[in-house]
């Protein structure tokens, strides 16, 4: 699958289970995590950070993996 040169790949995680009134936002160049309870927000943040670490170990950038491989990497890195 070819992507235009000006494409921006960004992972967005949205948590909807916050009941404590806190507004949680974690951002980096290639991902944003917003909302969620403290536990959910931390799990989503950990997942994307580990996902990018896995990509780096494989010598790949998020722009270079197909959707199926990215989903597999995210699943592998999601805390149980």
PDB file of N, CA and C in Angstrom:
ATOM      1  N   UNK A   1       0.853  -1.167   0.000  1.00  0.00           N
ATOM      2  CA  UNK A   1       0.000   0.000   0.000  1.00  0.00           C
ATOM      3  C   UNK A   1       0.902   1.234   0.000  1.00  0.00           C
ATOM      4  N   UNK A   2       0.771   2.061  -1.021  1.00  0.00           N
ATOM      5  CA  UNK A   2       1.584   3.264  -1.093  1.00  0.00           C
ATOM      6  C   UNK A   2       0.879   4.406  -0.385  1.00  0.00           C
ATOM      7  N   UNK A   3       1.688   5.187   0.314  1.00  0.00           N
ATOM      8  CA  UNK A   3       1.168   6.346   1.021  1.00  0.00           C
ATOM      9  C   UNK A   3       1.735   7.594   0.364  1.00  0.00           C
ATOM     10  N   UNK A   4       0.958   8.665   0.277  1.00  0.00           N
ATOM     11  CA  UNK A   4       1.504   9.887  -0.276  1.00  0.00           C
ATOM     12  C   UNK A   4       2.676  10.373   0.586  1.00  0.00           C
ATOM     13  N   UNK A   5       3.632  11.059  -0.037  1.00  0.00           N
ATOM     14  CA  UNK A   5       4.794  11.551   0.694  1.00  0.00           C
ATOM     15  C   UNK A   5       4.426  12.485   1.832  1.00  0.00           C
ATOM     16  N   UNK A   6       3.299  13.166   1.718  1.00  0.00           N
ATOM     17  CA  UNK A   6       2.918  14.121   2.751  1.00  0.00           C
ATOM     18  C   UNK A   6       1.981  13.515   3.789  1.00  0.00           C
ATOM     19  N   UNK A   7       1.841  12.185   3.803  1.00  0.00           N
ATOM     20  CA  UNK A   7       0.948  11.560   4.773  1.00  0.00           C
ATOM     21  C   UNK A   7       1.535  11.655   6.173  1.00  0.00           C
ATOM     22  N   UNK A   8       0.664  11.763   7.130  1.00  0.00           N
ATOM     23  CA  UNK A   8       1.063  11.791   8.527  1.00  0.00           C
ATOM     24  C   UNK A   8       0.410  10.599   9.197  1.00  0.00           C
ATOM     25  N   UNK A   9       1.217   9.753   9.791  1.00  0.00           N
ATOM     26  CA  UNK A   9       0.696   8.598  10.507  1.00  0.00           C
ATOM     27  C   UNK A   9       0.756   8.937  11.985  1.00  0.00           C
ATOM     28  N   UNK A  10      -0.388   8.826  12.635  1.00  0.00           N
ATOM     29  CA  UNK A  10      -0.494   9.204  14.046  1.00  0.00           C
ATOM     30  C   UNK A  10      -1.457   8.238  14.721  1.00  0.00           C
ATOM     31  N   UNK A  11      -1.046   7.678  15.849  1.00  0.00           N
ATOM     32  CA  UNK A  11      -1.929   6.802  16.609  1.00  0.00           C
ATOM     33  C   UNK A  11      -2.679   7.653  17.619  1.00  0.00           C
ATOM     34  N   UNK A  12      -3.983   7.483  17.667  1.00  0.00           N
ATOM     35  CA  UNK A  12      -4.826   8.204  18.612  1.00  0.00           C
ATOM     36  C   UNK A  12      -5.530   7.199  19.503  1.00  0.00           C
ATOM     37  N   UNK A  13      -5.321   7.326  20.804  1.00  0.00           N
ATOM     38  CA  UNK A  13      -6.009   6.480  21.781  1.00  0.00           C
ATOM     39  C   UNK A  13      -6.974   7.335  22.567  1.00  0.00           C
ATOM     40  N   UNK A  14      -8.213   6.886  22.669  1.00  0.00           N
ATOM     41  CA  UNK A  14      -9.241   7.641  23.393  1.00  0.00           C
ATOM     42  C   UNK A  14      -9.847   6.746  24.468  1.00  0.00           C
ATOM     43  N   UNK A  15      -9.743   7.192  25.713  1.00  0.00           N
ATOM     44  CA  UNK A  15     -10.344   6.475  26.827  1.00  0.00           C
ATOM     45  C   UNK A  15     -11.642   7.152  27.233  1.00  0.00           C
ATOM     46  N   UNK A  16     -12.668   6.369  27.457  1.00  0.00           N
ATOM     47  CA  UNK A  16     -13.987   6.925  27.759  1.00  0.00           C
ATOM     48  C   UNK A  16     -14.497   6.547  29.144  1.00  0.00           C
ATOM     49  N   UNK A  17     -13.632   5.989  29.978  1.00  0.00           N
ATOM     50  CA  UNK A  17     -14.108   5.473  31.258  1.00  0.00           C
ATOM     51  C   UNK A  17     -13.760   6.344  32.471  1.00  0.00           C
ATOM     52  N   UNK A  18     -13.288   7.565  32.251  1.00  0.00           N
ATOM     53  CA  UNK A  18     -12.926   8.438  33.378  1.00  0.00           C
ATOM     54  C   UNK A  18     -14.174   8.931  34.089  1.00  0.00           C
ATOM     55  N   UNK A  19     -14.153   8.805  35.406  1.00  0.00           N
ATOM     56  CA  UNK A  19     -15.282   9.288  36.214  1.00  0.00           C
ATOM     57  C   UNK A  19     -14.807  10.225  37.308  1.00  0.00           C
ATOM     58  N   UNK A  20     -13.493  10.537  37.293  1.00  0.00           N
ATOM     59  CA  UNK A  20     -12.940  11.352  38.364  1.00  0.00           C
ATOM     60  C   UNK A  20     -12.764  12.823  37.988  1.00  0.00           C
ATOM     61  N   UNK A  21     -13.159  13.192  36.771  1.00  0.00           N
ATOM     62  CA  UNK A  21     -13.088  14.591  36.357  1.00  0.00           C
ATOM     63  C   UNK A  21     -11.720  15.038  35.850  1.00  0.00           C
ATOM     64  N   UNK A  22     -10.714  14.173  35.904  1.00  0.00           N
ATOM     65  CA  UNK A  22      -9.384  14.546  35.415  1.00  0.00           C
ATOM     66  C   UNK A  22      -9.361  14.515  33.894  1.00  0.00           C
ATOM     67  N   UNK A  23      -8.614  15.432  33.320  1.00  0.00           N
ATOM     68  CA  UNK A  23      -8.420  15.463  31.873  1.00  0.00           C
ATOM     69  C   UNK A  23      -6.992  15.014  31.593  1.00  0.00           C
ATOM     70  N   UNK A  24      -6.867  13.797  31.135  1.00  0.00           N
ATOM     71  CA  UNK A  24      -5.553  13.208  30.902  1.00  0.00           C
ATOM     72  C   UNK A  24      -5.194  13.298  29.427  1.00  0.00           C
ATOM     73  N   UNK A  25      -3.998  13.797  29.152  1.00  0.00           N
ATOM     74  CA  UNK A  25      -3.509  13.910  27.777  1.00  0.00           C
ATOM     75  C   UNK A  25      -2.028  13.561  27.773  1.00  0.00           C
ATOM     76  N   UNK A  26      -1.656  12.630  26.913  1.00  0.00           N
ATOM     77  CA  UNK A  26      -0.251  12.281  26.702  1.00  0.00           C
ATOM     78  C   UNK A  26      -0.004  12.390  25.208  1.00  0.00           C
ATOM     79  N   UNK A  27       0.993  13.194  24.833  1.00  0.00           N
ATOM     80  CA  UNK A  27       1.271  13.394  23.416  1.00  0.00           C
ATOM     81  C   UNK A  27       2.748  13.205  23.104  1.00  0.00           C
ATOM     82  N   UNK A  28       2.979  12.725  21.918  1.00  0.00           N
ATOM     83  CA  UNK A  28       4.329  12.615  21.361  1.00  0.00           C
ATOM     84  C   UNK A  28       4.208  12.909  19.871  1.00  0.00           C
ATOM     85  N   UNK A  29       5.308  12.826  19.180  1.00  0.00           N
ATOM     86  CA  UNK A  29       5.302  13.160  17.754  1.00  0.00           C
ATOM     87  C   UNK A  29       4.343  12.280  16.955  1.00  0.00           C
ATOM     88  N   UNK A  30       4.276  10.997  17.291  1.00  0.00           N
ATOM     89  CA  UNK A  30       3.498  10.053  16.488  1.00  0.00           C
ATOM     90  C   UNK A  30       2.276   9.472  17.196  1.00  0.00           C
ATOM     91  N   UNK A  31       1.961   9.943  18.412  1.00  0.00           N
ATOM     92  CA  UNK A  31       0.758   9.442  19.069  1.00  0.00           C
ATOM     93  C   UNK A  31       0.194  10.445  20.057  1.00  0.00           C
ATOM     94  N   UNK A  32      -1.098  10.312  20.305  1.00  0.00           N
ATOM     95  CA  UNK A  32      -1.798  11.087  21.328  1.00  0.00           C
ATOM     96  C   UNK A  32      -2.726  10.144  22.071  1.00  0.00           C
ATOM     97  N   UNK A  33      -2.720  10.243  23.389  1.00  0.00           N
ATOM     98  CA  UNK A  33      -3.624   9.480  24.238  1.00  0.00           C
ATOM     99  C   UNK A  33      -4.435  10.502  25.016  1.00  0.00           C
ATOM    100  N   UNK A  34      -5.748  10.417  24.917  1.00  0.00           N
ATOM    101  CA  UNK A  34      -6.603  11.371  25.620  1.00  0.00           C
ATOM    102  C   UNK A  34      -7.675  10.629  26.412  1.00  0.00           C
ATOM    103  N   UNK A  35      -7.970  11.188  27.577  1.00  0.00           N
ATOM    104  CA  UNK A  35      -9.057  10.669  28.394  1.00  0.00           C
ATOM    105  C   UNK A  35      -8.733   9.370  29.077  1.00  0.00           C
ATOM    106  N   UNK A  36      -9.784   8.764  29.593  1.00  0.00           N
ATOM    107  CA  UNK A  36      -9.672   7.494  30.280  1.00  0.00           C
ATOM    108  C   UNK A  36      -9.406   7.659  31.760  1.00  0.00           C
ATOM    109  N   UNK A  37      -9.717   6.610  32.489  1.00  0.00           N
ATOM    110  CA  UNK A  37      -9.360   6.569  33.903  1.00  0.00           C
ATOM    111  C   UNK A  37      -7.835   6.534  33.989  1.00  0.00           C
ATOM    112  N   UNK A  38      -7.301   6.709  35.176  1.00  0.00           N
ATOM    113  CA  UNK A  38      -5.852   6.663  35.332  1.00  0.00           C
ATOM    114  C   UNK A  38      -5.301   5.329  34.837  1.00  0.00           C
ATOM    115  N   UNK A  39      -5.966   4.236  35.200  1.00  0.00           N
ATOM    116  CA  UNK A  39      -5.518   2.907  34.789  1.00  0.00           C
ATOM    117  C   UNK A  39      -5.572   2.739  33.267  1.00  0.00           C
ATOM    118  N   UNK A  40      -6.681   3.121  32.671  1.00  0.00           N
ATOM    119  CA  UNK A  40      -6.840   2.987  31.219  1.00  0.00           C
ATOM    120  C   UNK A  40      -5.830   3.854  30.481  1.00  0.00           C
ATOM    121  N   UNK A  41      -5.684   5.086  30.906  1.00  0.00           N
ATOM    122  CA  UNK A  41      -4.752   6.010  30.256  1.00  0.00           C
ATOM    123  C   UNK A  41      -3.321   5.465  30.330  1.00  0.00           C
ATOM    124  N   UNK A  42      -2.945   4.956  31.495  1.00  0.00           N
ATOM    125  CA  UNK A  42      -1.602   4.395  31.649  1.00  0.00           C
ATOM    126  C   UNK A  42      -1.397   3.169  30.766  1.00  0.00           C
ATOM    127  N   UNK A  43      -2.407   2.308  30.669  1.00  0.00           N
ATOM    128  CA  UNK A  43      -2.296   1.120  29.805  1.00  0.00           C
ATOM    129  C   UNK A  43      -2.172   1.508  28.330  1.00  0.00           C
ATOM    130  N   UNK A  44      -2.973   2.487  27.904  1.00  0.00           N
ATOM    131  CA  UNK A  44      -2.883   2.917  26.509  1.00  0.00           C
ATOM    132  C   UNK A  44      -1.519   3.535  26.227  1.00  0.00           C
ATOM    133  N   UNK A  45      -1.036   4.362  27.151  1.00  0.00           N
ATOM    134  CA  UNK A  45       0.282   4.989  26.976  1.00  0.00           C
ATOM    135  C   UNK A  45       1.379   3.944  26.906  1.00  0.00           C
ATOM    136  N   UNK A  46       1.345   2.986  27.814  1.00  0.00           N
ATOM    137  CA  UNK A  46       2.338   1.913  27.821  1.00  0.00           C
ATOM    138  C   UNK A  46       2.299   1.132  26.508  1.00  0.00           C
ATOM    139  N   UNK A  47       1.104   0.866  26.023  1.00  0.00           N
ATOM    140  CA  UNK A  47       0.949   0.105  24.781  1.00  0.00           C
ATOM    141  C   UNK A  47       1.603   0.821  23.606  1.00  0.00           C
ATOM    142  N   UNK A  48       1.321   2.100  23.426  1.00  0.00           N
ATOM    143  CA  UNK A  48       1.885   2.789  22.256  1.00  0.00           C
ATOM    144  C   UNK A  48       3.390   2.995  22.391  1.00  0.00           C
ATOM    145  N   UNK A  49       3.861   3.253  23.598  1.00  0.00           N
ATOM    146  CA  UNK A  49       5.307   3.403  23.787  1.00  0.00           C
ATOM    147  C   UNK A  49       6.014   2.092  23.443  1.00  0.00           C
ATOM    148  N   UNK A  50       5.504   0.979  23.941  1.00  0.00           N
ATOM    149  CA  UNK A  50       6.099  -0.329  23.638  1.00  0.00           C
ATOM    150  C   UNK A  50       5.968  -0.670  22.155  1.00  0.00           C
ATOM    151  N   UNK A  51       4.872  -0.249  21.541  1.00  0.00           N
ATOM    152  CA  UNK A  51       4.684  -0.474  20.107  1.00  0.00           C
ATOM    153  C   UNK A  51       5.779   0.217  19.308  1.00  0.00           C
ATOM    154  N   UNK A  52       6.067   1.468  19.645  1.00  0.00           N
ATOM    155  CA  UNK A  52       7.124   2.187  18.937  1.00  0.00           C
ATOM    156  C   UNK A  52       8.502   1.601  19.246  1.00  0.00           C
ATOM    157  N   UNK A  53       8.717   1.088  20.455  1.00  0.00           N
ATOM    158  CA  UNK A  53       9.971   0.410  20.776  1.00  0.00           C
ATOM    159  C   UNK A  53      10.129  -0.857  19.931  1.00  0.00           C
ATOM    160  N   UNK A  54       9.042  -1.613  19.781  1.00  0.00           N
ATOM    161  CA  UNK A  54       9.079  -2.827  18.952  1.00  0.00           C
ATOM    162  C   UNK A  54       9.397  -2.479  17.508  1.00  0.00           C
ATOM    163  N   UNK A  55       8.738  -1.461  16.982  1.00  0.00           N
ATOM    164  CA  UNK A  55       9.017  -1.029  15.612  1.00  0.00           C
ATOM    165  C   UNK A  55      10.487  -0.655  15.460  1.00  0.00           C
ATOM    166  N   UNK A  56      11.016   0.073  16.425  1.00  0.00           N
ATOM    167  CA  UNK A  56      12.411   0.490  16.381  1.00  0.00           C
ATOM    168  C   UNK A  56      13.349  -0.718  16.385  1.00  0.00           C
ATOM    169  N   UNK A  57      13.069  -1.699  17.235  1.00  0.00           N
ATOM    170  CA  UNK A  57      13.895  -2.920  17.273  1.00  0.00           C
ATOM    171  C   UNK A  57      13.862  -3.654  15.937  1.00  0.00           C
ATOM    172  N   UNK A  58      12.722  -3.584  15.265  1.00  0.00           N
ATOM    173  CA  UNK A  58      12.585  -4.239  13.955  1.00  0.00           C
ATOM    174  C   UNK A  58      13.167  -3.386  12.831  1.00  0.00           C
ATOM    175  N   UNK A  59      13.631  -2.199  13.174  1.00  0.00           N
ATOM    176  CA  UNK A  59      14.209  -1.313  12.169  1.00  0.00           C
ATOM    177  C   UNK A  59      13.170  -0.697  11.261  1.00  0.00           C
ATOM    178  N   UNK A  60      11.960  -0.524  11.779  1.00  0.00           N
ATOM    179  CA  UNK A  60      10.868   0.014  10.967  1.00  0.00           C
ATOM    180  C   UNK A  60      10.296   1.273  11.598  1.00  0.00           C
ATOM    181  N   UNK A  61       9.688   2.055  10.752  1.00  0.00           N
ATOM    182  CA  UNK A  61       8.960   3.240  11.176  1.00  0.00           C
ATOM    183  C   UNK A  61       7.474   2.930  11.015  1.00  0.00           C
ATOM    184  N   UNK A  62       6.629   3.614  11.722  1.00  0.00           N
ATOM    185  CA  UNK A  62       5.183   3.356  11.619  1.00  0.00           C
ATOM    186  C   UNK A  62       4.688   3.524  10.182  1.00  0.00           C
ATOM    187  N   UNK A  63       5.344   4.385   9.425  1.00  0.00           N
ATOM    188  CA  UNK A  63       4.961   4.603   8.026  1.00  0.00           C
ATOM    189  C   UNK A  63       5.267   3.395   7.142  1.00  0.00           C
ATOM    190  N   UNK A  64       6.089   2.471   7.646  1.00  0.00           N
ATOM    191  CA  UNK A  64       6.562   1.357   6.832  1.00  0.00           C
ATOM    192  C   UNK A  64       5.868   0.032   7.102  1.00  0.00           C
ATOM    193  N   UNK A  65       4.957  -0.004   8.053  1.00  0.00           N
ATOM    194  CA  UNK A  65       4.275  -1.265   8.357  1.00  0.00           C
ATOM    195  C   UNK A  65       2.846  -1.222   7.834  1.00  0.00           C
ATOM    196  N   UNK A  66       2.344  -2.378   7.450  1.00  0.00           N
ATOM    197  CA  UNK A  66       0.948  -2.400   7.015  1.00  0.00           C
ATOM    198  C   UNK A  66       0.041  -2.509   8.240  1.00  0.00           C
ATOM    199  N   UNK A  67      -1.227  -2.324   8.015  1.00  0.00           N
ATOM    200  CA  UNK A  67      -2.197  -2.295   9.116  1.00  0.00           C
ATOM    201  C   UNK A  67      -2.211  -3.587   9.912  1.00  0.00           C
ATOM    202  N   UNK A  68      -2.119  -4.705   9.233  1.00  0.00           N
ATOM    203  CA  UNK A  68      -2.174  -6.012   9.907  1.00  0.00           C
ATOM    204  C   UNK A  68      -0.978  -6.170  10.844  1.00  0.00           C
ATOM    205  N   UNK A  69       0.212  -5.840  10.367  1.00  0.00           N
ATOM    206  CA  UNK A  69       1.398  -5.946  11.219  1.00  0.00           C
ATOM    207  C   UNK A  69       1.298  -4.990  12.413  1.00  0.00           C
ATOM    208  N   UNK A  70       0.811  -3.781  12.178  1.00  0.00           N
ATOM    209  CA  UNK A  70       0.675  -2.821  13.271  1.00  0.00           C
ATOM    210  C   UNK A  70      -0.306  -3.318  14.322  1.00  0.00           C
ATOM    211  N   UNK A  71      -1.419  -3.876  13.891  1.00  0.00           N
ATOM    212  CA  UNK A  71      -2.402  -4.418  14.843  1.00  0.00           C
ATOM    213  C   UNK A  71      -1.779  -5.539  15.664  1.00  0.00           C
ATOM    214  N   UNK A  72      -1.002  -6.415  15.024  1.00  0.00           N
ATOM    215  CA  UNK A  72      -0.346  -7.512  15.739  1.00  0.00           C
ATOM    216  C   UNK A  72       0.640  -6.973  16.777  1.00  0.00           C
ATOM    217  N   UNK A  73       1.402  -5.966  16.414  1.00  0.00           N
ATOM    218  CA  UNK A  73       2.378  -5.383  17.335  1.00  0.00           C
ATOM    219  C   UNK A  73       1.657  -4.728  18.513  1.00  0.00           C
ATOM    220  N   UNK A  74       0.585  -4.017  18.244  1.00  0.00           N
ATOM    221  CA  UNK A  74      -0.187  -3.387  19.318  1.00  0.00           C
ATOM    222  C   UNK A  74      -0.744  -4.446  20.260  1.00  0.00           C
ATOM    223  N   UNK A  75      -1.295  -5.508  19.716  1.00  0.00           N
ATOM    224  CA  UNK A  75      -1.825  -6.594  20.561  1.00  0.00           C
ATOM    225  C   UNK A  75      -0.743  -7.220  21.436  1.00  0.00           C
ATOM    226  N   UNK A  76       0.438  -7.430  20.849  1.00  0.00           N
ATOM    227  CA  UNK A  76       1.551  -8.012  21.604  1.00  0.00           C
ATOM    228  C   UNK A  76       1.971  -7.117  22.754  1.00  0.00           C
ATOM    229  N   UNK A  77       1.818  -5.824  22.592  1.00  0.00           N
ATOM    230  CA  UNK A  77       2.306  -4.859  23.575  1.00  0.00           C
ATOM    231  C   UNK A  77       1.239  -4.337  24.519  1.00  0.00           C
ATOM    232  N   UNK A  78       0.014  -4.840  24.404  1.00  0.00           N
ATOM    233  CA  UNK A  78      -1.068  -4.398  25.290  1.00  0.00           C
ATOM    234  C   UNK A  78      -0.977  -5.144  26.610  1.00  0.00           C
ATOM    235  N   UNK A  79      -0.875  -4.390  27.734  1.00  0.00           N
ATOM    236  CA  UNK A  79      -0.850  -5.060  29.045  1.00  0.00           C
ATOM    237  C   UNK A  79      -2.131  -5.847  29.282  1.00  0.00           C
ATOM    238  N   UNK A  80      -2.005  -6.949  29.937  1.00  0.00           N
ATOM    239  CA  UNK A  80      -3.179  -7.791  30.223  1.00  0.00           C
ATOM    240  C   UNK A  80      -3.822  -7.393  31.519  1.00  0.00           C
TER     241      UNK A  80
END
